[in-house]
Amino acid sequence: MALQPDDVLDARGLHCPLPLLKTKQALARLDEGGLLHVLATDPGSWRDFETFIDQSDFELVSREETGDEFHYWIRKGGIVA
């Protein structure tokens, strides 16, 4: 089953720290349990998002690298039952 995000953030072409900052802003607008799909081209985002998730109550549902793009699916508020 494909993930169905509540919002999509296109951060392609942005360099550190902008993909993460824009992601934080987008997550703030989501309701609890909402799913955000982030598209980025900054290779540093792989590490940045991992660190951010480890230090927050958000859940990194999935991430993948497709060519020169990185895709992240982040759920607001951690795991929702």
N, C-alpha and C. Protein backbone atom coordinates (compact mmCIF):
# COMPACT_ATOMS: atom_id res chain seq x y z
N MET A 1 0.83 -1.18 0.00
CA MET A 1 0.00 0.00 0.00
C MET A 1 0.88 1.25 0.00
N ALA A 2 0.62 2.18 -0.89
CA ALA A 2 1.38 3.43 -0.97
C ALA A 2 0.99 4.35 0.17
N LEU A 3 1.97 5.09 0.66
CA LEU A 3 1.70 6.05 1.72
C LEU A 3 0.92 7.24 1.15
N GLN A 4 -0.09 7.68 1.86
CA GLN A 4 -0.92 8.80 1.43
C GLN A 4 -0.65 9.99 2.35
N PRO A 5 0.21 10.91 1.94
CA PRO A 5 0.53 12.04 2.82
C PRO A 5 -0.60 13.05 2.90
N ASP A 6 -0.64 13.77 4.01
CA ASP A 6 -1.58 14.86 4.20
C ASP A 6 -1.06 16.15 3.58
N ASP A 7 0.27 16.22 3.41
CA ASP A 7 0.90 17.38 2.80
C ASP A 7 2.20 16.94 2.16
N VAL A 8 2.64 17.68 1.14
CA VAL A 8 3.90 17.40 0.45
C VAL A 8 4.73 18.68 0.47
N LEU A 9 5.99 18.54 0.86
CA LEU A 9 6.92 19.65 0.87
C LEU A 9 8.00 19.39 -0.17
N ASP A 10 8.11 20.28 -1.14
CA ASP A 10 9.14 20.18 -2.16
C ASP A 10 10.31 21.04 -1.74
N ALA A 11 11.34 20.41 -1.19
CA ALA A 11 12.54 21.11 -0.75
C ALA A 11 13.71 20.85 -1.70
N ARG A 12 13.40 20.41 -2.90
CA ARG A 12 14.45 20.15 -3.88
C ARG A 12 15.13 21.45 -4.26
N GLY A 13 16.45 21.39 -4.37
CA GLY A 13 17.24 22.56 -4.72
C GLY A 13 17.65 23.41 -3.52
N LEU A 14 17.11 23.12 -2.36
CA LEU A 14 17.48 23.85 -1.14
C LEU A 14 18.65 23.15 -0.46
N HIS A 15 19.53 23.95 0.12
CA HIS A 15 20.70 23.40 0.81
C HIS A 15 20.56 23.57 2.31
N CYS A 16 21.30 22.76 3.05
CA CYS A 16 21.29 22.76 4.50
C CYS A 16 21.44 24.20 5.02
N PRO A 17 20.64 24.59 5.97
CA PRO A 17 19.67 23.85 6.76
C PRO A 17 18.22 24.01 6.28
N LEU A 18 18.02 24.59 5.09
CA LEU A 18 16.66 24.92 4.66
C LEU A 18 15.71 23.73 4.54
N PRO A 19 16.12 22.56 4.03
CA PRO A 19 15.14 21.46 3.98
C PRO A 19 14.57 21.11 5.35
N LEU A 20 15.43 21.08 6.36
CA LEU A 20 14.96 20.76 7.71
C LEU A 20 14.10 21.89 8.29
N LEU A 21 14.50 23.13 8.09
CA LEU A 21 13.72 24.25 8.60
C LEU A 21 12.33 24.29 7.96
N LYS A 22 12.26 24.10 6.65
CA LYS A 22 10.96 24.10 5.96
C LYS A 22 10.11 22.91 6.42
N THR A 23 10.76 21.78 6.71
CA THR A 23 10.04 20.61 7.22
C THR A 23 9.43 20.90 8.58
N LYS A 24 10.18 21.53 9.45
CA LYS A 24 9.65 21.88 10.77
C LYS A 24 8.43 22.79 10.64
N GLN A 25 8.50 23.76 9.73
CA GLN A 25 7.37 24.66 9.51
C GLN A 25 6.15 23.90 8.98
N ALA A 26 6.37 22.99 8.05
CA ALA A 26 5.27 22.21 7.48
C ALA A 26 4.65 21.30 8.52
N LEU A 27 5.48 20.69 9.37
CA LEU A 27 4.96 19.82 10.42
C LEU A 27 4.13 20.61 11.43
N ALA A 28 4.51 21.84 11.69
CA ALA A 28 3.76 22.67 12.64
C ALA A 28 2.34 22.94 12.15
N ARG A 29 2.15 22.94 10.84
CA ARG A 29 0.81 23.19 10.27
C ARG A 29 -0.06 21.94 10.23
N LEU A 30 0.54 20.76 10.39
CA LEU A 30 -0.22 19.50 10.32
C LEU A 30 -0.93 19.21 11.63
N ASP A 31 -2.05 18.51 11.55
CA ASP A 31 -2.72 18.00 12.74
C ASP A 31 -1.94 16.82 13.29
N GLU A 32 -2.16 16.51 14.56
CA GLU A 32 -1.53 15.33 15.17
C GLU A 32 -1.84 14.11 14.32
N GLY A 33 -0.85 13.29 14.09
CA GLY A 33 -1.03 12.08 13.30
C GLY A 33 -0.92 12.30 11.80
N GLY A 34 -0.79 13.57 11.38
CA GLY A 34 -0.67 13.88 9.96
C GLY A 34 0.65 13.38 9.39
N LEU A 35 0.63 13.07 8.10
CA LEU A 35 1.81 12.53 7.42
C LEU A 35 2.31 13.53 6.39
N LEU A 36 3.59 13.87 6.49
CA LEU A 36 4.25 14.81 5.58
C LEU A 36 5.22 14.05 4.69
N HIS A 37 5.16 14.30 3.39
CA HIS A 37 6.11 13.75 2.43
C HIS A 37 7.05 14.87 2.03
N VAL A 38 8.35 14.69 2.27
CA VAL A 38 9.35 15.70 1.93
C VAL A 38 10.22 15.18 0.79
N LEU A 39 10.40 16.02 -0.23
CA LEU A 39 11.30 15.71 -1.34
C LEU A 39 12.49 16.65 -1.21
N ALA A 40 13.71 16.12 -1.25
CA ALA A 40 14.91 16.93 -1.09
C ALA A 40 16.00 16.43 -2.03
N THR A 41 16.94 17.31 -2.35
CA THR A 41 18.09 16.92 -3.17
C THR A 41 19.40 17.10 -2.41
N ASP A 42 19.36 17.67 -1.23
CA ASP A 42 20.56 17.88 -0.43
C ASP A 42 20.97 16.55 0.22
N PRO A 43 22.15 16.01 -0.15
CA PRO A 43 22.58 14.72 0.43
C PRO A 43 22.71 14.77 1.94
N GLY A 44 23.00 15.93 2.50
CA GLY A 44 23.11 16.06 3.95
C GLY A 44 21.79 15.89 4.67
N SER A 45 20.70 15.99 3.91
CA SER A 45 19.38 15.85 4.55
C SER A 45 19.19 14.45 5.14
N TRP A 46 19.84 13.44 4.56
CA TRP A 46 19.71 12.06 5.06
C TRP A 46 20.10 12.01 6.53
N ARG A 47 21.25 12.59 6.85
CA ARG A 47 21.74 12.61 8.23
C ARG A 47 20.94 13.59 9.08
N ASP A 48 20.63 14.77 8.51
CA ASP A 48 19.90 15.80 9.26
C ASP A 48 18.53 15.31 9.72
N PHE A 49 17.81 14.64 8.82
CA PHE A 49 16.47 14.16 9.17
C PHE A 49 16.55 13.04 10.20
N GLU A 50 17.55 12.18 10.07
CA GLU A 50 17.71 11.10 11.04
C GLU A 50 17.95 11.66 12.45
N THR A 51 18.83 12.65 12.55
CA THR A 51 19.12 13.28 13.85
C THR A 51 17.89 14.00 14.39
N PHE A 52 17.19 14.73 13.53
CA PHE A 52 15.98 15.44 13.93
C PHE A 52 14.94 14.49 14.51
N ILE A 53 14.70 13.39 13.82
CA ILE A 53 13.70 12.41 14.27
C ILE A 53 14.11 11.80 15.61
N ASP A 54 15.40 11.48 15.75
CA ASP A 54 15.90 10.89 17.00
C ASP A 54 15.68 11.81 18.19
N GLN A 55 15.65 13.12 17.95
CA GLN A 55 15.54 14.10 19.03
C GLN A 55 14.13 14.69 19.16
N SER A 56 13.17 14.08 18.49
CA SER A 56 11.81 14.62 18.51
C SER A 56 10.80 13.51 18.80
N ASP A 57 9.52 13.90 18.80
CA ASP A 57 8.46 12.90 18.97
C ASP A 57 7.79 12.58 17.64
N PHE A 58 8.45 12.95 16.53
CA PHE A 58 7.95 12.60 15.21
C PHE A 58 8.42 11.21 14.83
N GLU A 59 7.70 10.59 13.91
CA GLU A 59 8.06 9.25 13.45
C GLU A 59 8.48 9.32 11.99
N LEU A 60 9.66 8.79 11.69
CA LEU A 60 10.10 8.65 10.30
C LEU A 60 9.51 7.34 9.80
N VAL A 61 8.39 7.46 9.09
CA VAL A 61 7.65 6.29 8.63
C VAL A 61 8.42 5.56 7.55
N SER A 62 9.04 6.33 6.66
CA SER A 62 9.81 5.73 5.57
C SER A 62 10.74 6.78 5.00
N ARG A 63 11.82 6.31 4.38
CA ARG A 63 12.69 7.20 3.62
C ARG A 63 13.33 6.39 2.51
N GLU A 64 13.58 7.05 1.39
CA GLU A 64 14.21 6.35 0.28
C GLU A 64 15.00 7.34 -0.57
N GLU A 65 15.99 6.81 -1.25
CA GLU A 65 16.79 7.59 -2.18
C GLU A 65 16.46 7.11 -3.58
N THR A 66 16.09 8.04 -4.44
CA THR A 66 15.75 7.72 -5.83
C THR A 66 16.58 8.64 -6.72
N GLY A 67 17.63 8.08 -7.31
CA GLY A 67 18.54 8.91 -8.10
C GLY A 67 19.18 9.95 -7.22
N ASP A 68 19.01 11.22 -7.55
CA ASP A 68 19.58 12.30 -6.75
C ASP A 68 18.54 12.95 -5.84
N GLU A 69 17.42 12.26 -5.63
CA GLU A 69 16.38 12.77 -4.74
C GLU A 69 16.23 11.89 -3.51
N PHE A 70 15.89 12.55 -2.43
CA PHE A 70 15.64 11.87 -1.16
C PHE A 70 14.18 12.13 -0.78
N HIS A 71 13.51 11.07 -0.37
CA HIS A 71 12.09 11.16 0.00
C HIS A 71 11.95 10.73 1.46
N TYR A 72 11.22 11.53 2.22
CA TYR A 72 10.98 11.25 3.64
C TYR A 72 9.48 11.34 3.90
N TRP A 73 8.97 10.41 4.69
CA TRP A 73 7.58 10.44 5.13
C TRP A 73 7.63 10.53 6.66
N ILE A 74 7.14 11.63 7.19
CA ILE A 74 7.25 11.92 8.62
C ILE A 74 5.85 12.11 9.19
N ARG A 75 5.58 11.38 10.27
CA ARG A 75 4.29 11.49 10.94
C ARG A 75 4.42 12.39 12.15
N LYS A 76 3.51 13.35 12.27
CA LYS A 76 3.53 14.28 13.39
C LYS A 76 3.00 13.60 14.65
N GLY A 77 3.71 13.82 15.74
CA GLY A 77 3.26 13.33 17.03
C GLY A 77 3.67 11.91 17.33
N GLY A 78 4.60 11.37 16.56
CA GLY A 78 5.05 10.01 16.82
C GLY A 78 4.07 9.00 16.32
N ILE A 79 4.18 7.80 16.85
CA ILE A 79 3.36 6.68 16.39
C ILE A 79 1.92 6.88 16.83
N VAL A 80 1.02 6.75 15.90
CA VAL A 80 -0.41 6.87 16.18
C VAL A 80 -1.04 5.50 16.11
N ALA A 81 -1.75 5.10 17.15
CA ALA A 81 -2.36 3.77 17.17
C ALA A 81 -3.65 3.75 16.36
